[in-house]
C-alpha atoms as a PDB file:
ATOM      1  CA  UNK A   1     -10.073 243.484  66.475  1.00  0.00           C
ATOM      2  CA  UNK A   2      -8.013 246.761  67.805  1.00  0.00           C
ATOM      3  CA  UNK A   3      -4.776 244.311  66.971  1.00  0.00           C
ATOM      4  CA  UNK A   4      -5.697 243.498  63.304  1.00  0.00           C
ATOM      5  CA  UNK A   5      -6.087 245.180  60.550  1.00  0.00           C
ATOM      6  CA  UNK A   6      -8.063 242.180  58.893  1.00  0.00           C
ATOM      7  CA  UNK A   7      -9.654 238.877  59.913  1.00  0.00           C
ATOM      8  CA  UNK A   8      -9.632 235.840  58.336  1.00  0.00           C
ATOM      9  CA  UNK A   9     -11.870 233.218  59.199  1.00  0.00           C
ATOM     10  CA  UNK A  10     -12.021 229.553  57.365  1.00  0.00           C
ATOM     11  CA  UNK A  11     -14.633 227.094  58.702  1.00  0.00           C
ATOM     12  CA  UNK A  12     -15.914 223.754  58.695  1.00  0.00           C
ATOM     13  CA  UNK A  13     -19.340 223.398  60.945  1.00  0.00           C
ATOM     14  CA  UNK A  14     -22.085 221.385  60.361  1.00  0.00           C
ATOM     15  CA  UNK A  15     -25.010 223.316  59.269  1.00  0.00           C
ATOM     16  CA  UNK A  16     -27.301 223.894  62.154  1.00  0.00           C
ATOM     17  CA  UNK A  17     -24.117 225.546  64.056  1.00  0.00           C
ATOM     18  CA  UNK A  18     -24.795 229.417  64.724  1.00  0.00           C
ATOM     19  CA  UNK A  19     -22.083 231.747  63.285  1.00  0.00           C
ATOM     20  CA  UNK A  20     -21.045 234.461  64.914  1.00  0.00           C
ATOM     21  CA  UNK A  21     -22.225 237.791  63.667  1.00  0.00           C
ATOM     22  CA  UNK A  22     -19.940 240.236  61.542  1.00  0.00           C
ATOM     23  CA  UNK A  23     -18.657 242.727  63.576  1.00  0.00           C
ATOM     24  CA  UNK A  24     -19.929 245.868  63.044  1.00  0.00           C
ATOM     25  CA  UNK A  25     -18.202 248.516  60.543  1.00  0.00           C
ATOM     26  CA  UNK A  26     -16.238 246.156  58.788  1.00  0.00           C
ATOM     27  CA  UNK A  27     -17.082 244.912  55.523  1.00  0.00           C
ATOM     28  CA  UNK A  28     -17.280 240.998  54.539  1.00  0.00           C
ATOM     29  CA  UNK A  29     -16.079 239.574  52.357  1.00  0.00           C
ATOM     30  CA  UNK A  30     -17.822 235.561  51.582  1.00  0.00           C
ATOM     31  CA  UNK A  31     -16.762 232.657  49.687  1.00  0.00           C
ATOM     32  CA  UNK A  32     -18.605 229.620  49.859  1.00  0.00           C
ATOM     33  CA  UNK A  33     -17.118 226.548  49.665  1.00  0.00           C
ATOM     34  CA  UNK A  34     -19.554 223.609  50.176  1.00  0.00           C
ATOM     35  CA  UNK A  35     -22.896 224.292  50.900  1.00  0.00           C
ATOM     36  CA  UNK A  36     -26.124 226.150  49.893  1.00  0.00           C
ATOM     37  CA  UNK A  37     -27.881 229.281  52.447  1.00  0.00           C
ATOM     38  CA  UNK A  38     -30.298 231.893  52.704  1.00  0.00           C
ATOM     39  CA  UNK A  39     -28.833 234.718  54.290  1.00  0.00           C
ATOM     40  CA  UNK A  40     -30.861 237.050  55.763  1.00  0.00           C
ATOM     41  CA  UNK A  41     -30.878 240.832  56.825  1.00  0.00           C
ATOM     42  CA  UNK A  42     -33.710 243.551  58.224  1.00  0.00           C
ATOM     43  CA  UNK A  43     -35.645 245.253  55.712  1.00  0.00           C
ATOM     44  CA  UNK A  44     -34.454 243.549  52.829  1.00  0.00           C
ATOM     45  CA  UNK A  45     -33.701 240.046  51.740  1.00  0.00           C
ATOM     46  CA  UNK A  46     -30.163 239.073  49.907  1.00  0.00           C
ATOM     47  CA  UNK A  47     -29.253 236.927  47.635  1.00  0.00           C
ATOM     48  CA  UNK A  48     -29.058 233.205  48.554  1.00  0.00           C
ATOM     49  CA  UNK A  49     -25.728 231.003  48.658  1.00  0.00           C
ATOM     50  CA  UNK A  50     -24.904 228.213  46.659  1.00  0.00           C
ATOM     51  CA  UNK A  51     -21.298 226.030  46.556  1.00  0.00           C
ATOM     52  CA  UNK A  52     -18.623 228.374  45.081  1.00  0.00           C
ATOM     53  CA  UNK A  53     -20.608 232.133  45.547  1.00  0.00           C
ATOM     54  CA  UNK A  54     -18.650 235.419  46.519  1.00  0.00           C
ATOM     55  CA  UNK A  55     -20.178 237.821  48.512  1.00  0.00           C
ATOM     56  CA  UNK A  56     -19.217 241.150  49.881  1.00  0.00           C
ATOM     57  CA  UNK A  57     -21.510 242.593  52.186  1.00  0.00           C
ATOM     58  CA  UNK A  58     -21.110 246.895  53.766  1.00  0.00           C
ATOM     59  CA  UNK A  59     -20.312 247.418  56.768  1.00  0.00           C
ATOM     60  CA  UNK A  60     -23.471 247.177  59.133  1.00  0.00           C
ATOM     61  CA  UNK A  61     -25.820 245.468  56.895  1.00  0.00           C
ATOM     62  CA  UNK A  62     -27.092 243.413  58.923  1.00  0.00           C
ATOM     63  CA  UNK A  63     -27.176 239.464  57.941  1.00  0.00           C
ATOM     64  CA  UNK A  64     -27.407 236.030  59.125  1.00  0.00           C
ATOM     65  CA  UNK A  65     -26.674 232.937  57.620  1.00  0.00           C
ATOM     66  CA  UNK A  66     -28.977 229.580  57.529  1.00  0.00           C
ATOM     67  CA  UNK A  67     -27.630 226.146  55.849  1.00  0.00           C
ATOM     68  CA  UNK A  68     -29.981 223.783  53.895  1.00  0.00           C
ATOM     69  CA  UNK A  69     -28.756 220.839  56.019  1.00  0.00           C
ATOM     70  CA  UNK A  70     -28.416 218.590  52.851  1.00  0.00           C
ATOM     71  CA  UNK A  71     -26.109 220.666  50.665  1.00  0.00           C
ATOM     72  CA  UNK A  72     -22.840 219.676  52.655  1.00  0.00           C
ATOM     73  CA  UNK A  73     -18.970 218.131  52.642  1.00  0.00           C
ATOM     74  CA  UNK A  74     -18.207 214.184  52.573  1.00  0.00           C
ATOM     75  CA  UNK A  75     -17.595 215.208  56.338  1.00  0.00           C
ATOM     76  CA  UNK A  76     -21.296 216.437  56.761  1.00  0.00           C
ATOM     77  CA  UNK A  77     -19.972 220.050  56.852  1.00  0.00           C
ATOM     78  CA  UNK A  78     -20.868 223.275  55.828  1.00  0.00           C
ATOM     79  CA  UNK A  79     -17.868 225.320  54.308  1.00  0.00           C
ATOM     80  CA  UNK A  80     -16.713 228.755  54.309  1.00  0.00           C
ATOM     81  CA  UNK A  81     -14.273 231.576  53.939  1.00  0.00           C
ATOM     82  CA  UNK A  82     -15.106 234.814  55.130  1.00  0.00           C
ATOM     83  CA  UNK A  83     -12.618 238.059  55.373  1.00  0.00           C
ATOM     84  CA  UNK A  84     -13.669 240.592  57.596  1.00  0.00           C
ATOM     85  CA  UNK A  85     -12.318 244.646  57.053  1.00  0.00           C
ATOM     86  CA  UNK A  86     -13.051 247.430  59.465  1.00  0.00           C
ATOM     87  CA  UNK A  87     -13.679 251.100  57.564  1.00  0.00           C
ATOM     88  CA  UNK A  88     -10.895 251.883  59.757  1.00  0.00           C
ATOM     89  CA  UNK A  89      -8.256 249.204  57.697  1.00  0.00           C
ATOM     90  CA  UNK A  90      -9.750 251.483  54.410  1.00  0.00           C
ATOM     91  CA  UNK A  91      -9.143 254.631  55.842  1.00  0.00           C
ATOM     92  CA  UNK A  92      -4.959 253.844  56.821  1.00  0.00           C
ATOM     93  CA  UNK A  93      -4.366 252.700  54.316  1.00  0.00           C
ATOM     94  CA  UNK A  94      -5.661 255.314  52.315  1.00  0.00           C
ATOM     95  CA  UNK A  95      -4.067 257.827  54.089  1.00  0.00           C
ATOM     96  CA  UNK A  96      -1.171 255.363  54.088  1.00  0.00           C
ATOM     97  CA  UNK A  97      -1.146 254.392  50.069  1.00  0.00           C
ATOM     98  CA  UNK A  98      -2.598 256.993  48.465  1.00  0.00           C
ATOM     99  CA  UNK A  99      -2.694 254.826  44.977  1.00  0.00           C
ATOM    100  CA  UNK A 100      -5.961 253.172  46.867  1.00  0.00           C
ATOM    101  CA  UNK A 101      -7.955 255.944  46.980  1.00  0.00           C
ATOM    102  CA  UNK A 102     -10.106 255.209  44.501  1.00  0.00           C
ATOM    103  CA  UNK A 103     -10.161 251.349  45.426  1.00  0.00           C
ATOM    104  CA  UNK A 104     -11.274 252.561  48.270  1.00  0.00           C
ATOM    105  CA  UNK A 105     -13.655 254.765  47.156  1.00  0.00           C
ATOM    106  CA  UNK A 106     -15.506 252.431  44.062  1.00  0.00           C
ATOM    107  CA  UNK A 107     -15.899 249.587  47.627  1.00  0.00           C
ATOM    108  CA  UNK A 108     -17.438 252.616  49.591  1.00  0.00           C
ATOM    109  CA  UNK A 109     -20.239 252.988  47.085  1.00  0.00           C
ATOM    110  CA  UNK A 110     -21.851 249.916  47.758  1.00  0.00           C
ATOM    111  CA  UNK A 111     -24.185 249.898  49.913  1.00  0.00           C
ATOM    112  CA  UNK A 112     -25.925 246.455  48.748  1.00  0.00           C
ATOM    113  CA  UNK A 113     -24.676 243.148  48.936  1.00  0.00           C
ATOM    114  CA  UNK A 114     -22.490 242.269  45.696  1.00  0.00           C
ATOM    115  CA  UNK A 115     -22.200 238.463  44.187  1.00  0.00           C
ATOM    116  CA  UNK A 116     -19.111 238.332  41.977  1.00  0.00           C
ATOM    117  CA  UNK A 117     -19.576 236.878  38.274  1.00  0.00           C
ATOM    118  CA  UNK A 118     -17.657 233.509  38.044  1.00  0.00           C
ATOM    119  CA  UNK A 119     -14.925 235.260  36.506  1.00  0.00           C
ATOM    120  CA  UNK A 120     -14.144 237.745  39.126  1.00  0.00           C
ATOM    121  CA  UNK A 121     -15.241 235.279  41.718  1.00  0.00           C
ATOM    122  CA  UNK A 122     -12.022 232.687  40.205  1.00  0.00           C
ATOM    123  CA  UNK A 123      -9.855 235.253  40.737  1.00  0.00           C
ATOM    124  CA  UNK A 124     -11.100 236.295  44.516  1.00  0.00           C
ATOM    125  CA  UNK A 125     -11.279 232.478  45.556  1.00  0.00           C
ATOM    126  CA  UNK A 126      -7.390 231.647  44.500  1.00  0.00           C
ATOM    127  CA  UNK A 127      -6.417 234.796  46.635  1.00  0.00           C
ATOM    128  CA  UNK A 128      -8.987 233.362  49.978  1.00  0.00           C
ATOM    129  CA  UNK A 129      -7.505 229.907  48.921  1.00  0.00           C
ATOM    130  CA  UNK A 130      -4.260 230.932  49.092  1.00  0.00           C
ATOM    131  CA  UNK A 131      -4.595 232.439  52.860  1.00  0.00           C
ATOM    132  CA  UNK A 132      -6.034 229.490  53.857  1.00  0.00           C
ATOM    133  CA  UNK A 133      -2.576 228.280  54.763  1.00  0.00           C
ATOM    134  CA  UNK A 134      -0.702 230.921  55.292  1.00  0.00           C
ATOM    135  CA  UNK A 135      -0.289 233.426  58.707  1.00  0.00           C
ATOM    136  CA  UNK A 136      -1.785 237.128  59.351  1.00  0.00           C
ATOM    137  CA  UNK A 137       1.186 238.850  57.829  1.00  0.00           C
ATOM    138  CA  UNK A 138       1.912 236.057  54.830  1.00  0.00           C
ATOM    139  CA  UNK A 139      -1.972 236.918  53.770  1.00  0.00           C
ATOM    140  CA  UNK A 140      -1.364 240.941  53.990  1.00  0.00           C
ATOM    141  CA  UNK A 141      -0.268 241.211  50.490  1.00  0.00           C
ATOM    142  CA  UNK A 142      -2.899 238.668  49.428  1.00  0.00           C
ATOM    143  CA  UNK A 143      -5.630 240.913  51.334  1.00  0.00           C
ATOM    144  CA  UNK A 144      -4.370 244.230  49.243  1.00  0.00           C
ATOM    145  CA  UNK A 145      -4.657 242.217  46.277  1.00  0.00           C
ATOM    146  CA  UNK A 146      -8.088 241.349  46.701  1.00  0.00           C
ATOM    147  CA  UNK A 147      -8.574 245.288  47.533  1.00  0.00           C
ATOM    148  CA  UNK A 148      -8.234 245.529  43.662  1.00  0.00           C
ATOM    149  CA  UNK A 149     -10.625 242.695  42.536  1.00  0.00           C
ATOM    150  CA  UNK A 150     -13.815 243.712  44.845  1.00  0.00           C
END
């Protein structure tokens, strides 16, 4: 992550294929495009996700993804988008743009996974879907937009 402020990760893959573990010290915004899965984590249980769900995982929250092989897209794959936002990125953002201080402070109060309701989830999904076809530099304004939605 040294050369990036964030990582946008869009994947289609068979449900039994392992998913890379989230980088440490990162917020993970996850959108399950197609599939159903159980997110497991140490010492507590994150709620399961189904197609269309959007969740935010705080940094250093150990969790993993286990997919239901019966709920897949037409090609037999699960499909998801993850956006990783390093804590250091948020700190630099506030330092350079104090206007984000309240937004980042509100975000940092969360210590458990957050599932977004359909209205907010739809707005987040719009941004994540737009980003799919963009380069990293073109994604920057969308990442900043997403922060105001979280």
